[in-house]
């Protein structure tokens, strides 16, 4: 894998993870009514940061697919799940049960093996 493809993949993981975290932050607000919650959410900065991140992620994904075969790009994108789960644990104190930890390990090893031989 070229240095450019590695850089684009790394940026894709960061932007995708940031987008998910931002949308989660926008979605966790407590208000007395559903209407008020949606109104506040639509005017919140994290929602728009998340939307911008997903637009950027879409562009980075297209660039990545222009540099790598689809089969490798999709395999590498599995690492996004690991990054998002770890961000959820660190930022929102979400629990990781043993099965999720085993899953994270398998994904990480699989991506390392597949990416290492690309």
C-alpha atoms as a PDB file:
ATOM      1  CA  UNK A   1       0.000   0.000   0.000  1.00  0.00           C
ATOM      2  CA  UNK A   2       1.395   3.398  -0.969  1.00  0.00           C
ATOM      3  CA  UNK A   3       2.110   6.175   1.521  1.00  0.00           C
ATOM      4  CA  UNK A   4      -0.681   8.250  -0.027  1.00  0.00           C
ATOM      5  CA  UNK A   5      -3.207   5.420   0.370  1.00  0.00           C
ATOM      6  CA  UNK A   6      -2.100   4.943   3.973  1.00  0.00           C
ATOM      7  CA  UNK A   7      -2.517   8.671   4.677  1.00  0.00           C
ATOM      8  CA  UNK A   8      -5.976   8.779   3.062  1.00  0.00           C
ATOM      9  CA  UNK A   9      -7.029   5.678   5.006  1.00  0.00           C
ATOM     10  CA  UNK A  10      -5.807   7.219   8.288  1.00  0.00           C
ATOM     11  CA  UNK A  11      -7.658  10.481   7.560  1.00  0.00           C
ATOM     12  CA  UNK A  12     -10.774   8.488   6.653  1.00  0.00           C
ATOM     13  CA  UNK A  13     -10.701   6.699  10.019  1.00  0.00           C
ATOM     14  CA  UNK A  14     -10.240   9.977  11.916  1.00  0.00           C
ATOM     15  CA  UNK A  15     -12.974  11.855  10.049  1.00  0.00           C
ATOM     16  CA  UNK A  16     -15.426   8.930  10.247  1.00  0.00           C
ATOM     17  CA  UNK A  17     -14.827   8.487  13.976  1.00  0.00           C
ATOM     18  CA  UNK A  18     -15.144  12.221  14.607  1.00  0.00           C
ATOM     19  CA  UNK A  19     -18.404  12.268  12.659  1.00  0.00           C
ATOM     20  CA  UNK A  20     -19.894   9.441  14.709  1.00  0.00           C
ATOM     21  CA  UNK A  21     -18.796  10.995  17.995  1.00  0.00           C
ATOM     22  CA  UNK A  22     -20.197  14.386  16.984  1.00  0.00           C
ATOM     23  CA  UNK A  23     -23.569  12.917  16.014  1.00  0.00           C
ATOM     24  CA  UNK A  24     -23.720  10.931  19.262  1.00  0.00           C
ATOM     25  CA  UNK A  25     -22.955  14.127  21.200  1.00  0.00           C
ATOM     26  CA  UNK A  26     -25.739  15.949  19.330  1.00  0.00           C
ATOM     27  CA  UNK A  27     -28.206  13.128  20.011  1.00  0.00           C
ATOM     28  CA  UNK A  28     -27.718  12.911  23.786  1.00  0.00           C
ATOM     29  CA  UNK A  29     -29.647  15.840  25.086  1.00  0.00           C
ATOM     30  CA  UNK A  30     -32.400  15.802  27.639  1.00  0.00           C
ATOM     31  CA  UNK A  31     -35.443  17.987  27.104  1.00  0.00           C
ATOM     32  CA  UNK A  32     -39.020  17.856  28.240  1.00  0.00           C
ATOM     33  CA  UNK A  33     -40.468  17.220  24.789  1.00  0.00           C
ATOM     34  CA  UNK A  34     -39.400  15.408  21.652  1.00  0.00           C
ATOM     35  CA  UNK A  35     -40.018  18.544  19.596  1.00  0.00           C
ATOM     36  CA  UNK A  36     -37.694  20.578  21.832  1.00  0.00           C
ATOM     37  CA  UNK A  37     -35.022  17.870  21.644  1.00  0.00           C
ATOM     38  CA  UNK A  38     -35.089  17.863  17.828  1.00  0.00           C
ATOM     39  CA  UNK A  39     -35.143  21.647  17.697  1.00  0.00           C
ATOM     40  CA  UNK A  40     -32.069  21.880  19.934  1.00  0.00           C
ATOM     41  CA  UNK A  41     -30.326  19.072  18.108  1.00  0.00           C
ATOM     42  CA  UNK A  42     -30.788  20.718  14.694  1.00  0.00           C
ATOM     43  CA  UNK A  43     -29.259  23.925  15.998  1.00  0.00           C
ATOM     44  CA  UNK A  44     -26.327  22.249  17.758  1.00  0.00           C
ATOM     45  CA  UNK A  45     -22.736  22.557  16.576  1.00  0.00           C
ATOM     46  CA  UNK A  46     -21.961  18.827  17.032  1.00  0.00           C
ATOM     47  CA  UNK A  47     -24.693  17.875  14.546  1.00  0.00           C
ATOM     48  CA  UNK A  48     -23.211  20.084  11.849  1.00  0.00           C
ATOM     49  CA  UNK A  49     -19.675  18.956  12.657  1.00  0.00           C
ATOM     50  CA  UNK A  50     -20.890  15.388  12.167  1.00  0.00           C
ATOM     51  CA  UNK A  51     -22.519  16.218   8.839  1.00  0.00           C
ATOM     52  CA  UNK A  52     -19.380  17.980   7.586  1.00  0.00           C
ATOM     53  CA  UNK A  53     -17.252  15.028   8.731  1.00  0.00           C
ATOM     54  CA  UNK A  54     -19.421  12.577   6.799  1.00  0.00           C
ATOM     55  CA  UNK A  55     -19.189  14.685   3.649  1.00  0.00           C
ATOM     56  CA  UNK A  56     -15.404  14.729   4.081  1.00  0.00           C
ATOM     57  CA  UNK A  57     -15.414  10.978   4.762  1.00  0.00           C
ATOM     58  CA  UNK A  58     -17.339  10.386   1.523  1.00  0.00           C
ATOM     59  CA  UNK A  59     -14.710  12.325  -0.437  1.00  0.00           C
ATOM     60  CA  UNK A  60     -11.840  10.526   1.304  1.00  0.00           C
ATOM     61  CA  UNK A  61     -13.543   7.191   0.599  1.00  0.00           C
ATOM     62  CA  UNK A  62     -13.710   8.005  -3.109  1.00  0.00           C
ATOM     63  CA  UNK A  63     -10.025   8.963  -3.096  1.00  0.00           C
ATOM     64  CA  UNK A  64      -9.147   5.750  -1.252  1.00  0.00           C
ATOM     65  CA  UNK A  65     -11.075   3.648  -3.750  1.00  0.00           C
ATOM     66  CA  UNK A  66      -9.199   5.339  -6.576  1.00  0.00           C
ATOM     67  CA  UNK A  67      -5.926   4.213  -4.954  1.00  0.00           C
ATOM     68  CA  UNK A  68      -6.836   0.686  -3.789  1.00  0.00           C
ATOM     69  CA  UNK A  69      -8.871  -2.267  -5.025  1.00  0.00           C
ATOM     70  CA  UNK A  70     -12.414  -2.303  -3.625  1.00  0.00           C
ATOM     71  CA  UNK A  71     -11.818  -5.574  -1.762  1.00  0.00           C
ATOM     72  CA  UNK A  72      -8.907  -4.068   0.176  1.00  0.00           C
ATOM     73  CA  UNK A  73     -10.658  -0.730   0.766  1.00  0.00           C
ATOM     74  CA  UNK A  74     -13.696  -2.421   2.293  1.00  0.00           C
ATOM     75  CA  UNK A  75     -11.507  -4.628   4.441  1.00  0.00           C
ATOM     76  CA  UNK A  76      -9.526  -1.646   5.716  1.00  0.00           C
ATOM     77  CA  UNK A  77     -12.739   0.253   6.445  1.00  0.00           C
ATOM     78  CA  UNK A  78     -13.555  -2.404   9.050  1.00  0.00           C
ATOM     79  CA  UNK A  79     -11.003  -0.670  11.277  1.00  0.00           C
ATOM     80  CA  UNK A  80     -13.377   2.321  11.439  1.00  0.00           C
ATOM     81  CA  UNK A  81     -15.626   0.172  13.634  1.00  0.00           C
ATOM     82  CA  UNK A  82     -12.755  -0.421  16.056  1.00  0.00           C
ATOM     83  CA  UNK A  83     -11.916   3.289  16.227  1.00  0.00           C
ATOM     84  CA  UNK A  84     -15.566   4.239  16.803  1.00  0.00           C
ATOM     85  CA  UNK A  85     -15.995   1.639  19.552  1.00  0.00           C
ATOM     86  CA  UNK A  86     -12.841   2.834  21.310  1.00  0.00           C
ATOM     87  CA  UNK A  87     -13.919   6.475  20.996  1.00  0.00           C
ATOM     88  CA  UNK A  88     -17.295   5.566  22.504  1.00  0.00           C
ATOM     89  CA  UNK A  89     -15.531   3.896  25.406  1.00  0.00           C
ATOM     90  CA  UNK A  90     -13.153   6.806  26.014  1.00  0.00           C
ATOM     91  CA  UNK A  91     -15.492   9.749  25.419  1.00  0.00           C
ATOM     92  CA  UNK A  92     -18.901   8.439  26.492  1.00  0.00           C
ATOM     93  CA  UNK A  93     -17.729   5.779  28.997  1.00  0.00           C
ATOM     94  CA  UNK A  94     -19.623   3.087  27.072  1.00  0.00           C
ATOM     95  CA  UNK A  95     -18.971  -0.454  28.231  1.00  0.00           C
ATOM     96  CA  UNK A  96     -17.010  -2.979  26.184  1.00  0.00           C
ATOM     97  CA  UNK A  97     -17.951  -6.536  27.091  1.00  0.00           C
ATOM     98  CA  UNK A  98     -15.550  -9.439  26.480  1.00  0.00           C
ATOM     99  CA  UNK A  99     -17.147 -10.351  23.143  1.00  0.00           C
ATOM    100  CA  UNK A 100     -16.662  -6.832  21.802  1.00  0.00           C
ATOM    101  CA  UNK A 101     -13.049  -6.842  22.952  1.00  0.00           C
ATOM    102  CA  UNK A 102     -12.499 -10.167  21.176  1.00  0.00           C
ATOM    103  CA  UNK A 103     -14.184  -8.724  18.083  1.00  0.00           C
ATOM    104  CA  UNK A 104     -11.981  -5.608  18.166  1.00  0.00           C
ATOM    105  CA  UNK A 105      -8.925  -7.852  18.433  1.00  0.00           C
ATOM    106  CA  UNK A 106      -9.956 -10.004  15.464  1.00  0.00           C
ATOM    107  CA  UNK A 107     -10.724  -6.965  13.317  1.00  0.00           C
ATOM    108  CA  UNK A 108      -7.415  -5.316  14.196  1.00  0.00           C
ATOM    109  CA  UNK A 109      -5.390  -8.453  13.478  1.00  0.00           C
ATOM    110  CA  UNK A 110      -7.290  -9.065  10.239  1.00  0.00           C
ATOM    111  CA  UNK A 111      -6.789  -5.518   8.994  1.00  0.00           C
ATOM    112  CA  UNK A 112      -3.092  -5.636   9.936  1.00  0.00           C
ATOM    113  CA  UNK A 113      -2.608  -8.911   8.083  1.00  0.00           C
ATOM    114  CA  UNK A 114      -4.550  -7.825   5.000  1.00  0.00           C
ATOM    115  CA  UNK A 115      -3.026  -4.338   4.911  1.00  0.00           C
ATOM    116  CA  UNK A 116       0.470  -5.661   5.531  1.00  0.00           C
ATOM    117  CA  UNK A 117       0.353  -7.867   2.465  1.00  0.00           C
ATOM    118  CA  UNK A 118      -1.310  -5.365   0.143  1.00  0.00           C
END
